[in-house]
Amino acid sequence: MYLLCSCFLFIVVGCGISSPRFRSSGKQVSPTIQKPSQQPPRFTSREAEEEQKEDDKKVHSEEIETITKGSRNFRTEKNTAIKPLDQSKMMREISKYMGTPYVQGGTSSEGIDCSGYTMLVYKNAMGIQLPRSSTEQFKTGTPVEFSDLKFGDLVFFNTNGTPASHVGIYLGDDLFAHASVSLGVTISSLQSTYYSKRYCGARRIIE
């Protein structure tokens, strides 16, 4: 019984993208807001397996490189929350950890998990200290509708049976940066089957 409880606590505290850009069909699909699951959390290896199997809207490595080098411009004309200079600074921090392997509980370029990644990006780029876990980060900021997502918003997913068990940073054009269980820090699409059906909400940290 003790061992079972310990494993459960380890998974809940822990924090889930891809690679080659897909060709859009032109049809935008809003992710289904997922309600809390009654199923027990699954192990990280199961998350990685499902990520790889269901991530059908992969972002090409060439586009990831374009984005991280700053030569890709996102539509931000409606974004009054973040100044262009701040956005540039945040993109530099987002890019700095690109390719870092996923390590549960990690908070460095040697290994990092999803909430550790968002925490470091916000701390280093904006001077904002976010809570350590994704579930706590989900309680911060202001709730944002999917249709109103803007650069810098935190996007959350239920990847292991626990609401907001995974978190990333929205970039624009349905793309977000995060520490993926299977690929490490990368850029993924909200339109992929894996992320769209596990999406559970977003928060805006900077108003």
N, C-alpha and C. Protein backbone atom coordinates (compact mmCIF):
# COMPACT_ATOMS: atom_id res chain seq x y z
N MET A 1 0.84 -1.22 0.00
CA MET A 1 0.00 0.00 0.00
C MET A 1 0.87 1.25 0.00
N TYR A 2 1.92 1.25 0.81
CA TYR A 2 2.81 2.42 0.87
C TYR A 2 3.45 2.69 -0.49
N LEU A 3 3.91 1.63 -1.16
CA LEU A 3 4.56 1.78 -2.46
C LEU A 3 3.59 2.34 -3.49
N LEU A 4 2.35 1.87 -3.48
CA LEU A 4 1.34 2.34 -4.43
C LEU A 4 1.06 3.82 -4.24
N CYS A 5 0.92 4.24 -2.99
CA CYS A 5 0.65 5.66 -2.69
C CYS A 5 1.81 6.53 -3.12
N SER A 6 3.02 6.07 -2.88
CA SER A 6 4.21 6.84 -3.25
C SER A 6 4.28 7.05 -4.74
N CYS A 7 3.97 5.99 -5.51
CA CYS A 7 4.00 6.10 -6.97
C CYS A 7 2.97 7.08 -7.45
N PHE A 8 1.77 7.04 -6.84
CA PHE A 8 0.68 7.94 -7.25
C PHE A 8 1.06 9.40 -7.03
N LEU A 9 1.65 9.70 -5.86
CA LEU A 9 2.05 11.07 -5.56
C LEU A 9 3.12 11.53 -6.51
N PHE A 10 4.05 10.66 -6.86
CA PHE A 10 5.15 11.02 -7.78
C PHE A 10 4.60 11.42 -9.14
N ILE A 11 3.59 10.69 -9.63
CA ILE A 11 3.04 10.96 -10.96
C ILE A 11 2.26 12.26 -10.98
N VAL A 12 1.44 12.50 -9.95
CA VAL A 12 0.60 13.69 -9.92
C VAL A 12 1.43 14.96 -9.89
N VAL A 13 2.51 14.95 -9.12
CA VAL A 13 3.35 16.14 -9.02
C VAL A 13 4.07 16.41 -10.34
N GLY A 14 4.42 15.36 -11.03
CA GLY A 14 5.13 15.50 -12.30
C GLY A 14 4.33 16.19 -13.36
N CYS A 15 5.09 16.51 -14.35
CA CYS A 15 4.29 17.15 -15.34
C CYS A 15 3.73 16.21 -16.35
N GLY A 16 3.88 16.93 -21.64
CA GLY A 16 3.90 16.12 -22.37
C GLY A 16 4.39 16.50 -23.52
N ILE A 17 5.49 16.92 -28.32
CA ILE A 17 5.30 17.76 -29.26
C ILE A 17 5.94 17.21 -30.34
N SER A 18 6.53 17.53 -30.69
CA SER A 18 6.62 16.96 -32.00
C SER A 18 7.78 17.44 -32.85
N SER A 19 7.72 17.31 -34.21
CA SER A 19 8.77 17.76 -35.14
C SER A 19 8.26 17.74 -36.58
N PRO A 20 8.30 18.29 -37.95
CA PRO A 20 7.94 18.65 -39.33
C PRO A 20 6.52 19.22 -39.50
N ARG A 21 6.34 20.43 -39.78
CA ARG A 21 5.08 21.15 -39.89
C ARG A 21 4.12 20.52 -40.87
N PHE A 22 2.86 20.42 -40.44
CA PHE A 22 1.85 19.81 -41.30
C PHE A 22 1.30 20.83 -42.26
N ARG A 23 0.68 20.33 -43.30
CA ARG A 23 -0.03 21.21 -44.22
C ARG A 23 -1.46 21.33 -43.75
N SER A 24 -1.87 22.53 -43.48
CA SER A 24 -3.20 22.75 -42.94
C SER A 24 -4.27 22.51 -43.99
N SER A 25 -5.38 21.95 -43.55
CA SER A 25 -6.50 21.73 -44.44
C SER A 25 -7.35 22.98 -44.55
N GLY A 26 -7.01 23.98 -43.72
CA GLY A 26 -7.74 25.23 -43.73
C GLY A 26 -8.88 25.23 -42.73
N LYS A 27 -9.18 24.07 -42.17
CA LYS A 27 -10.25 23.95 -41.20
C LYS A 27 -9.68 23.95 -39.80
N GLN A 28 -10.09 24.92 -38.99
CA GLN A 28 -9.60 25.01 -37.63
C GLN A 28 -10.54 24.26 -36.70
N VAL A 29 -9.99 23.43 -35.87
CA VAL A 29 -10.79 22.65 -34.94
C VAL A 29 -10.45 23.06 -33.52
N SER A 30 -11.44 23.52 -32.80
CA SER A 30 -11.22 23.93 -31.42
C SER A 30 -11.15 22.69 -30.54
N PRO A 31 -10.08 22.58 -29.73
CA PRO A 31 -9.96 21.42 -28.86
C PRO A 31 -11.15 21.29 -27.93
N THR A 32 -11.48 20.07 -27.58
CA THR A 32 -12.56 19.82 -26.64
C THR A 32 -12.06 20.06 -25.23
N ILE A 33 -12.75 20.89 -24.46
CA ILE A 33 -12.37 21.14 -23.08
C ILE A 33 -12.66 19.88 -22.29
N GLN A 34 -11.61 19.33 -21.70
CA GLN A 34 -11.74 18.04 -21.04
C GLN A 34 -12.08 18.20 -19.57
N LYS A 35 -13.00 17.39 -19.10
CA LYS A 35 -13.38 17.39 -17.70
C LYS A 35 -12.46 16.45 -16.93
N PRO A 36 -12.35 16.67 -15.61
CA PRO A 36 -11.48 15.80 -14.81
C PRO A 36 -11.81 14.33 -15.02
N SER A 37 -10.78 13.54 -15.17
CA SER A 37 -10.97 12.11 -15.40
C SER A 37 -10.98 11.35 -14.09
N GLN A 38 -11.77 10.28 -14.05
CA GLN A 38 -11.82 9.44 -12.86
C GLN A 38 -10.80 8.31 -12.94
N GLN A 39 -10.12 8.21 -14.08
CA GLN A 39 -9.12 7.16 -14.26
C GLN A 39 -7.83 7.51 -13.54
N PRO A 40 -7.10 6.54 -13.02
CA PRO A 40 -5.83 6.80 -12.33
C PRO A 40 -4.78 7.30 -13.31
N PRO A 41 -3.86 8.16 -12.86
CA PRO A 41 -2.80 8.67 -13.74
C PRO A 41 -1.98 7.54 -14.34
N ARG A 42 -1.48 7.76 -15.57
CA ARG A 42 -0.65 6.77 -16.23
C ARG A 42 0.81 7.15 -16.14
N PHE A 43 1.69 6.18 -16.29
CA PHE A 43 3.11 6.43 -16.19
C PHE A 43 3.61 7.23 -17.39
N THR A 44 4.74 7.90 -17.23
CA THR A 44 5.33 8.73 -18.27
C THR A 44 5.56 7.96 -19.56
N SER A 45 5.96 6.68 -19.45
CA SER A 45 6.22 5.88 -20.65
C SER A 45 4.96 5.72 -21.47
N ARG A 46 3.82 5.62 -20.82
CA ARG A 46 2.54 5.50 -21.52
C ARG A 46 2.21 6.82 -22.22
N GLU A 47 2.50 7.93 -21.57
CA GLU A 47 2.28 9.24 -22.18
C GLU A 47 3.12 9.39 -23.43
N ALA A 48 4.37 9.00 -23.35
CA ALA A 48 5.28 9.11 -24.50
C ALA A 48 4.77 8.27 -25.66
N GLU A 49 4.28 7.08 -25.36
CA GLU A 49 3.77 6.18 -26.40
C GLU A 49 2.56 6.80 -27.09
N GLU A 50 1.67 7.38 -26.32
CA GLU A 50 0.46 7.98 -26.89
C GLU A 50 0.79 9.25 -27.66
N GLU A 51 1.75 10.01 -27.17
CA GLU A 51 2.20 11.21 -27.88
C GLU A 51 2.64 10.86 -29.30
N GLN A 52 3.50 9.89 -29.39
CA GLN A 52 4.07 9.50 -30.68
C GLN A 52 3.00 8.91 -31.61
N LYS A 53 2.06 8.19 -31.04
CA LYS A 53 1.02 7.53 -31.83
C LYS A 53 -0.02 8.51 -32.34
N GLU A 54 -0.40 9.49 -31.54
CA GLU A 54 -1.51 10.38 -31.87
C GLU A 54 -1.10 11.77 -32.33
N ASP A 55 0.19 12.07 -32.34
CA ASP A 55 0.63 13.39 -32.77
C ASP A 55 0.68 13.43 -34.30
N ASP A 56 -0.49 13.62 -34.91
CA ASP A 56 -0.63 13.52 -36.36
C ASP A 56 -0.52 14.85 -37.09
N LYS A 57 -0.17 15.91 -36.38
CA LYS A 57 0.01 17.23 -37.00
C LYS A 57 1.41 17.73 -36.64
N LYS A 58 2.38 16.99 -37.04
CA LYS A 58 3.76 17.26 -36.63
C LYS A 58 4.30 18.55 -37.24
N VAL A 59 5.14 19.22 -36.48
CA VAL A 59 5.80 20.44 -36.93
C VAL A 59 7.17 20.07 -37.46
N HIS A 60 7.46 20.40 -38.70
CA HIS A 60 8.73 20.04 -39.32
C HIS A 60 9.92 20.69 -38.59
N SER A 61 11.00 19.95 -38.52
CA SER A 61 12.20 20.45 -37.84
C SER A 61 12.69 21.74 -38.48
N GLU A 62 12.49 21.88 -39.80
CA GLU A 62 12.91 23.11 -40.48
C GLU A 62 12.12 24.30 -39.98
N GLU A 63 10.83 24.10 -39.72
CA GLU A 63 10.02 25.21 -39.24
C GLU A 63 10.36 25.56 -37.79
N ILE A 64 10.66 24.53 -37.00
CA ILE A 64 11.07 24.78 -35.62
C ILE A 64 12.32 25.66 -35.61
N GLU A 65 13.25 25.36 -36.51
CA GLU A 65 14.48 26.16 -36.61
C GLU A 65 14.17 27.58 -37.04
N THR A 66 13.23 27.74 -37.97
CA THR A 66 12.82 29.07 -38.43
C THR A 66 12.22 29.88 -37.29
N ILE A 67 11.37 29.23 -36.51
CA ILE A 67 10.71 29.89 -35.39
C ILE A 67 11.72 30.31 -34.32
N THR A 68 12.59 29.39 -33.94
CA THR A 68 13.53 29.67 -32.87
C THR A 68 14.60 30.69 -33.25
N LYS A 69 14.85 30.84 -34.56
CA LYS A 69 15.82 31.84 -35.01
C LYS A 69 15.18 33.22 -35.16
N GLY A 70 13.86 33.28 -34.95
CA GLY A 70 13.18 34.56 -34.99
C GLY A 70 12.80 35.04 -36.38
N SER A 71 12.93 34.18 -37.39
CA SER A 71 12.59 34.59 -38.74
C SER A 71 11.15 34.25 -39.10
N ARG A 72 10.43 33.68 -38.16
CA ARG A 72 9.01 33.37 -38.37
C ARG A 72 8.20 34.41 -37.60
N ASN A 73 7.34 35.13 -38.28
CA ASN A 73 6.51 36.15 -37.64
C ASN A 73 5.11 35.61 -37.39
N PHE A 74 4.67 35.71 -36.14
CA PHE A 74 3.33 35.29 -35.79
C PHE A 74 2.39 36.49 -35.79
N ARG A 75 1.12 36.21 -36.00
CA ARG A 75 0.13 37.28 -35.98
C ARG A 75 -0.09 37.72 -34.54
N THR A 76 0.31 38.93 -34.22
CA THR A 76 0.19 39.41 -32.84
C THR A 76 -0.47 40.79 -32.77
N GLU A 77 -1.14 41.22 -33.85
CA GLU A 77 -1.70 42.56 -33.87
C GLU A 77 -2.74 42.81 -32.78
N LYS A 78 -3.41 41.72 -32.33
CA LYS A 78 -4.42 41.87 -31.29
C LYS A 78 -3.84 41.75 -29.89
N ASN A 79 -2.57 41.43 -29.81
CA ASN A 79 -1.96 41.19 -28.51
C ASN A 79 -1.45 42.49 -27.90
N THR A 80 -2.21 43.00 -26.96
CA THR A 80 -1.81 44.24 -26.28
C THR A 80 -1.16 43.95 -24.94
N ALA A 81 -1.12 42.65 -24.56
CA ALA A 81 -0.58 42.27 -23.25
C ALA A 81 0.94 42.25 -23.24
N ILE A 82 1.57 41.94 -24.38
CA ILE A 82 3.02 41.81 -24.43
C ILE A 82 3.59 42.73 -25.49
N LYS A 83 4.55 43.55 -25.13
CA LYS A 83 5.19 44.45 -26.07
C LYS A 83 6.11 43.65 -26.99
N PRO A 84 6.35 44.15 -28.21
CA PRO A 84 7.23 43.43 -29.15
C PRO A 84 8.59 43.08 -28.56
N LEU A 85 9.19 44.02 -27.80
CA LEU A 85 10.50 43.76 -27.21
C LEU A 85 10.42 42.62 -26.20
N ASP A 86 9.34 42.59 -25.41
CA ASP A 86 9.15 41.52 -24.44
C ASP A 86 8.95 40.18 -25.15
N GLN A 87 8.22 40.20 -26.25
CA GLN A 87 7.98 38.97 -26.99
C GLN A 87 9.29 38.42 -27.55
N SER A 88 10.13 39.31 -28.03
CA SER A 88 11.42 38.90 -28.57
C SER A 88 12.28 38.27 -27.47
N LYS A 89 12.24 38.86 -26.30
CA LYS A 89 13.03 38.34 -25.18
C LYS A 89 12.53 36.97 -24.75
N MET A 90 11.20 36.83 -24.73
CA MET A 90 10.63 35.55 -24.35
C MET A 90 10.97 34.48 -25.38
N MET A 91 10.96 34.84 -26.67
CA MET A 91 11.30 33.87 -27.71
C MET A 91 12.74 33.40 -27.57
N ARG A 92 13.62 34.28 -27.15
CA ARG A 92 15.01 33.88 -26.94
C ARG A 92 15.11 32.84 -25.83
N GLU A 93 14.33 33.03 -24.77
CA GLU A 93 14.34 32.08 -23.66
C GLU A 93 13.69 30.76 -24.08
N ILE A 94 12.60 30.85 -24.84
CA ILE A 94 11.93 29.66 -25.33
C ILE A 94 12.90 28.84 -26.18
N SER A 95 13.64 29.53 -27.03
CA SER A 95 14.58 28.87 -27.96
C SER A 95 15.79 28.28 -27.25
N LYS A 96 16.19 28.91 -26.16
CA LYS A 96 17.42 28.51 -25.47
C LYS A 96 17.40 27.05 -25.01
N TYR A 97 16.23 26.56 -24.66
CA TYR A 97 16.13 25.19 -24.13
C TYR A 97 15.67 24.19 -25.19
N MET A 98 15.48 24.66 -26.43
CA MET A 98 14.99 23.77 -27.48
C MET A 98 15.90 22.55 -27.63
N GLY A 99 15.31 21.36 -27.62
CA GLY A 99 16.07 20.12 -27.74
C GLY A 99 16.51 19.54 -26.40
N THR A 100 16.31 20.28 -25.31
CA THR A 100 16.67 19.75 -24.00
C THR A 100 15.84 18.50 -23.69
N PRO A 101 16.44 17.42 -23.24
CA PRO A 101 15.68 16.19 -22.97
C PRO A 101 14.71 16.36 -21.81
N TYR A 102 13.64 15.58 -21.87
CA TYR A 102 12.64 15.61 -20.79
C TYR A 102 13.16 14.81 -19.59
N VAL A 103 13.15 15.46 -18.43
CA VAL A 103 13.50 14.79 -17.18
C VAL A 103 12.50 15.26 -16.14
N GLN A 104 11.74 14.33 -15.59
CA GLN A 104 10.73 14.70 -14.61
C GLN A 104 11.40 15.31 -13.38
N GLY A 105 10.97 16.53 -13.05
CA GLY A 105 11.55 17.25 -11.93
C GLY A 105 12.73 18.11 -12.33
N GLY A 106 13.16 18.03 -13.60
CA GLY A 106 14.32 18.80 -14.07
C GLY A 106 14.02 20.27 -14.30
N THR A 107 15.03 21.10 -14.07
CA THR A 107 14.86 22.55 -14.26
C THR A 107 16.13 23.17 -14.86
N SER A 108 16.80 22.46 -15.75
CA SER A 108 18.02 23.00 -16.34
C SER A 108 18.19 22.50 -17.77
N SER A 109 19.25 22.97 -18.44
CA SER A 109 19.53 22.56 -19.81
C SER A 109 19.99 21.11 -19.88
N GLU A 110 20.25 20.50 -18.74
CA GLU A 110 20.62 19.09 -18.69
C GLU A 110 19.40 18.19 -18.79
N GLY A 111 18.26 18.71 -18.38
CA GLY A 111 17.01 17.97 -18.39
C GLY A 111 15.94 18.80 -17.73
N ILE A 112 14.72 18.77 -18.31
CA ILE A 112 13.68 19.66 -17.81
C ILE A 112 12.31 19.04 -18.04
N ASP A 113 11.35 19.35 -17.19
CA ASP A 113 9.98 18.89 -17.43
C ASP A 113 9.12 20.08 -17.83
N CYS A 114 7.84 19.83 -18.10
CA CYS A 114 7.00 20.87 -18.70
C CYS A 114 6.85 22.12 -17.84
N SER A 115 6.54 21.94 -16.55
CA SER A 115 6.34 23.10 -15.69
C SER A 115 7.67 23.77 -15.33
N GLY A 116 8.75 22.98 -15.30
CA GLY A 116 10.07 23.56 -15.07
C GLY A 116 10.45 24.47 -16.23
N TYR A 117 10.08 24.06 -17.44
CA TYR A 117 10.36 24.84 -18.64
C TYR A 117 9.60 26.16 -18.64
N THR A 118 8.30 26.12 -18.42
CA THR A 118 7.51 27.36 -18.41
C THR A 118 7.95 28.28 -17.26
N MET A 119 8.30 27.68 -16.13
CA MET A 119 8.75 28.46 -14.99
C MET A 119 10.04 29.23 -15.31
N LEU A 120 11.01 28.53 -15.93
CA LEU A 120 12.28 29.18 -16.25
C LEU A 120 12.12 30.26 -17.32
N VAL A 121 11.30 29.99 -18.34
CA VAL A 121 11.09 30.98 -19.41
C VAL A 121 10.49 32.26 -18.84
N TYR A 122 9.48 32.13 -18.01
CA TYR A 122 8.83 33.32 -17.44
C TYR A 122 9.75 34.05 -16.46
N LYS A 123 10.50 33.29 -15.70
CA LYS A 123 11.41 33.91 -14.72
C LYS A 123 12.52 34.67 -15.42
N ASN A 124 13.16 34.05 -16.41
CA ASN A 124 14.31 34.67 -17.07
C ASN A 124 13.92 35.75 -18.07
N ALA A 125 12.78 35.58 -18.74
CA ALA A 125 12.37 36.55 -19.76
C ALA A 125 11.55 37.70 -19.20
N MET A 126 10.69 37.40 -18.23
CA MET A 126 9.75 38.41 -17.75
C MET A 126 9.93 38.76 -16.28
N GLY A 127 10.80 38.04 -15.57
CA GLY A 127 10.98 38.32 -14.15
C GLY A 127 9.79 37.89 -13.32
N ILE A 128 9.01 36.95 -13.83
CA ILE A 128 7.81 36.48 -13.14
C ILE A 128 8.05 35.06 -12.62
N GLN A 129 7.80 34.86 -11.33
CA GLN A 129 8.00 33.56 -10.72
C GLN A 129 6.70 32.77 -10.74
N LEU A 130 6.63 31.74 -11.54
CA LEU A 130 5.46 30.87 -11.58
C LEU A 130 5.61 29.75 -10.56
N PRO A 131 4.50 29.16 -10.12
CA PRO A 131 4.59 27.99 -9.24
C PRO A 131 5.34 26.86 -9.94
N ARG A 132 5.83 25.90 -9.19
CA ARG A 132 6.65 24.83 -9.77
C ARG A 132 5.85 23.82 -10.57
N SER A 133 4.65 23.47 -10.14
CA SER A 133 3.90 22.42 -10.82
C SER A 133 2.90 22.98 -11.83
N SER A 134 2.55 22.17 -12.83
CA SER A 134 1.59 22.60 -13.85
C SER A 134 0.20 22.80 -13.23
N THR A 135 -0.17 21.98 -12.26
CA THR A 135 -1.48 22.13 -11.63
C THR A 135 -1.59 23.45 -10.88
N GLU A 136 -0.49 23.88 -10.27
CA GLU A 136 -0.49 25.17 -9.57
C GLU A 136 -0.44 26.32 -10.57
N GLN A 137 0.30 26.15 -11.66
CA GLN A 137 0.35 27.19 -12.69
C GLN A 137 -1.03 27.42 -13.30
N PHE A 138 -1.84 26.36 -13.36
CA PHE A 138 -3.19 26.46 -13.91
C PHE A 138 -4.09 27.35 -13.06
N LYS A 139 -3.69 27.58 -11.82
CA LYS A 139 -4.48 28.41 -10.91
C LYS A 139 -4.07 29.87 -10.96
N THR A 140 -3.00 30.19 -11.71
CA THR A 140 -2.51 31.56 -11.78
C THR A 140 -3.08 32.29 -12.99
N GLY A 141 -2.87 33.60 -13.04
CA GLY A 141 -3.28 34.38 -14.20
C GLY A 141 -4.78 34.43 -14.40
N THR A 142 -5.17 34.72 -15.65
CA THR A 142 -6.57 34.87 -16.03
C THR A 142 -6.97 33.81 -17.05
N PRO A 143 -8.12 33.15 -16.86
CA PRO A 143 -8.57 32.16 -17.84
C PRO A 143 -8.73 32.79 -19.23
N VAL A 144 -8.36 32.05 -20.27
CA VAL A 144 -8.44 32.55 -21.65
C VAL A 144 -9.18 31.53 -22.51
N GLU A 145 -10.10 32.04 -23.34
CA GLU A 145 -10.81 31.16 -24.27
C GLU A 145 -9.85 30.72 -25.37
N PHE A 146 -10.09 29.54 -25.91
CA PHE A 146 -9.24 29.01 -26.97
C PHE A 146 -9.17 29.97 -28.16
N SER A 147 -10.29 30.58 -28.50
CA SER A 147 -10.36 31.49 -29.65
C SER A 147 -9.62 32.80 -29.42
N ASP A 148 -9.24 33.06 -28.17
CA ASP A 148 -8.58 34.33 -27.83
C ASP A 148 -7.12 34.13 -27.42
N LEU A 149 -6.57 32.96 -27.69
CA LEU A 149 -5.18 32.69 -27.31
C LEU A 149 -4.21 33.67 -27.98
N LYS A 150 -3.21 34.12 -27.21
CA LYS A 150 -2.20 35.03 -27.72
C LYS A 150 -0.81 34.57 -27.26
N PHE A 151 0.19 35.07 -27.95
CA PHE A 151 1.57 34.71 -27.63
C PHE A 151 1.84 34.86 -26.13
N GLY A 152 2.46 33.85 -25.54
CA GLY A 152 2.84 33.91 -24.13
C GLY A 152 1.84 33.27 -23.19
N ASP A 153 0.61 33.01 -23.66
CA ASP A 153 -0.37 32.36 -22.79
C ASP A 153 0.09 30.94 -22.46
N LEU A 154 -0.23 30.48 -21.27
CA LEU A 154 0.06 29.11 -20.88
C LEU A 154 -1.11 28.23 -21.31
N VAL A 155 -0.81 27.13 -22.01
CA VAL A 155 -1.85 26.20 -22.43
C VAL A 155 -1.67 24.89 -21.67
N PHE A 156 -2.80 24.30 -21.25
CA PHE A 156 -2.75 23.14 -20.36
C PHE A 156 -3.48 21.93 -20.96
N PHE A 157 -3.01 20.75 -20.56
CA PHE A 157 -3.54 19.50 -21.09
C PHE A 157 -3.65 18.46 -19.98
N ASN A 158 -4.60 17.54 -20.17
CA ASN A 158 -4.75 16.40 -19.27
C ASN A 158 -4.12 15.21 -19.97
N THR A 159 -2.88 14.91 -19.65
CA THR A 159 -2.16 13.84 -20.35
C THR A 159 -2.04 12.54 -19.57
N ASN A 160 -2.38 12.58 -18.29
CA ASN A 160 -2.23 11.34 -17.51
C ASN A 160 -3.42 11.05 -16.59
N GLY A 161 -4.56 11.69 -16.89
CA GLY A 161 -5.74 11.47 -16.07
C GLY A 161 -5.94 12.55 -15.03
N THR A 162 -4.98 13.46 -14.93
CA THR A 162 -5.06 14.56 -13.98
C THR A 162 -5.19 15.88 -14.73
N PRO A 163 -6.21 16.70 -14.45
CA PRO A 163 -6.37 17.97 -15.15
C PRO A 163 -5.13 18.84 -15.00
N ALA A 164 -4.73 19.50 -16.10
CA ALA A 164 -3.57 20.39 -16.11
C ALA A 164 -2.29 19.67 -15.70
N SER A 165 -2.14 18.43 -16.14
CA SER A 165 -0.91 17.68 -15.83
C SER A 165 0.23 18.03 -16.79
N HIS A 166 -0.07 18.79 -17.85
CA HIS A 166 0.95 19.22 -18.80
C HIS A 166 0.70 20.67 -19.20
N VAL A 167 1.81 21.41 -19.43
CA VAL A 167 1.69 22.83 -19.75
C VAL A 167 2.71 23.23 -20.81
N GLY A 168 2.33 24.21 -21.64
CA GLY A 168 3.23 24.75 -22.64
C GLY A 168 2.98 26.25 -22.82
N ILE A 169 3.75 26.88 -23.71
CA ILE A 169 3.62 28.32 -23.96
C ILE A 169 3.13 28.54 -25.39
N TYR A 170 2.00 29.21 -25.52
CA TYR A 170 1.42 29.45 -26.85
C TYR A 170 2.27 30.45 -27.63
N LEU A 171 2.50 30.14 -28.92
CA LEU A 171 3.32 30.98 -29.78
C LEU A 171 2.50 31.75 -30.82
N GLY A 172 1.37 31.17 -31.22
CA GLY A 172 0.58 31.73 -32.30
C GLY A 172 0.39 30.68 -33.38
N ASP A 173 -0.59 30.89 -34.25
CA ASP A 173 -0.85 29.96 -35.37
C ASP A 173 -1.04 28.52 -34.90
N ASP A 174 -1.68 28.35 -33.72
CA ASP A 174 -1.96 27.03 -33.16
C ASP A 174 -0.71 26.25 -32.77
N LEU A 175 0.41 26.92 -32.57
CA LEU A 175 1.65 26.27 -32.16
C LEU A 175 1.99 26.63 -30.72
N PHE A 176 2.63 25.71 -30.02
CA PHE A 176 3.06 25.99 -28.65
C PHE A 176 4.38 25.29 -28.37
N ALA A 177 5.17 25.89 -27.49
CA ALA A 177 6.46 25.32 -27.08
C ALA A 177 6.28 24.63 -25.74
N HIS A 178 6.92 23.48 -25.58
CA HIS A 178 6.78 22.75 -24.32
C HIS A 178 7.84 21.68 -24.21
N ALA A 179 7.93 21.10 -23.01
CA ALA A 179 8.84 19.97 -22.79
C ALA A 179 8.02 18.70 -22.96
N SER A 180 8.17 18.09 -24.11
CA SER A 180 7.44 16.87 -24.44
C SER A 180 8.09 15.65 -23.77
N VAL A 181 7.25 14.75 -23.29
CA VAL A 181 7.75 13.54 -22.65
C VAL A 181 8.59 12.71 -23.63
N SER A 182 8.14 12.65 -24.88
CA SER A 182 8.83 11.79 -25.85
C SER A 182 9.96 12.48 -26.60
N LEU A 183 9.88 13.82 -26.77
CA LEU A 183 10.88 14.52 -27.59
C LEU A 183 11.68 15.59 -26.86
N GLY A 184 11.36 15.86 -25.61
CA GLY A 184 12.03 16.95 -24.92
C GLY A 184 11.44 18.29 -25.35
N VAL A 185 12.16 19.37 -25.16
CA VAL A 185 11.63 20.69 -25.49
C VAL A 185 11.53 20.85 -27.00
N THR A 186 10.34 21.16 -27.47
CA THR A 186 10.07 21.27 -28.90
C THR A 186 8.84 22.15 -29.13
N ILE A 187 8.36 22.16 -30.35
CA ILE A 187 7.17 22.93 -30.72
C ILE A 187 6.14 21.98 -31.31
N SER A 188 4.89 22.09 -30.86
CA SER A 188 3.83 21.20 -31.33
C SER A 188 2.61 22.00 -31.78
N SER A 189 1.67 21.29 -32.40
CA SER A 189 0.43 21.91 -32.87
C SER A 189 -0.75 21.56 -31.97
N LEU A 190 -1.55 22.56 -31.65
CA LEU A 190 -2.76 22.33 -30.88
C LEU A 190 -3.79 21.55 -31.69
N GLN A 191 -3.58 21.47 -33.01
CA GLN A 191 -4.53 20.79 -33.88
C GLN A 191 -4.27 19.28 -33.98
N SER A 192 -3.19 18.80 -33.39
CA SER A 192 -2.92 17.36 -33.44
C SER A 192 -3.96 16.63 -32.60
N THR A 193 -4.22 15.40 -32.97
CA THR A 193 -5.21 14.60 -32.23
C THR A 193 -4.84 14.50 -30.75
N TYR A 194 -3.57 14.26 -30.49
CA TYR A 194 -3.13 14.07 -29.10
C TYR A 194 -3.44 15.29 -28.24
N TYR A 195 -3.06 16.46 -28.71
CA TYR A 195 -3.23 17.66 -27.88
C TYR A 195 -4.63 18.24 -27.93
N SER A 196 -5.29 18.15 -29.06
CA SER A 196 -6.64 18.73 -29.15
C SER A 196 -7.63 18.03 -28.23
N LYS A 197 -7.52 16.71 -28.12
CA LYS A 197 -8.49 16.02 -27.27
C LYS A 197 -8.10 16.01 -25.79
N ARG A 198 -6.90 16.48 -25.49
CA ARG A 198 -6.46 16.55 -24.09
C ARG A 198 -6.38 17.98 -23.56
N TYR A 199 -6.66 18.93 -24.42
CA TYR A 199 -6.62 20.35 -24.03
C TYR A 199 -7.64 20.61 -22.92
N CYS A 200 -7.22 21.34 -21.89
CA CYS A 200 -8.15 21.60 -20.78
C CYS A 200 -8.19 23.07 -20.37
N GLY A 201 -7.57 23.96 -21.13
CA GLY A 201 -7.69 25.39 -20.82
C GLY A 201 -6.39 26.16 -20.96
N ALA A 202 -6.49 27.47 -20.73
CA ALA A 202 -5.32 28.35 -20.86
C ALA A 202 -5.39 29.47 -19.83
N ARG A 203 -4.23 30.03 -19.52
CA ARG A 203 -4.14 31.14 -18.58
C ARG A 203 -3.24 32.23 -19.16
N ARG A 204 -3.65 33.47 -18.98
CA ARG A 204 -2.82 34.62 -19.38
C ARG A 204 -2.15 35.18 -18.14
N ILE A 205 -0.82 35.18 -18.16
CA ILE A 205 -0.07 35.62 -16.98
C ILE A 205 0.13 37.13 -16.99
N ILE A 206 0.33 37.70 -18.17
CA ILE A 206 0.55 39.15 -18.28
C ILE A 206 -0.66 39.81 -18.92
N GLU A 207 -1.31 40.69 -18.20
CA GLU A 207 -2.48 41.40 -18.74
C GLU A 207 -2.07 42.71 -19.41
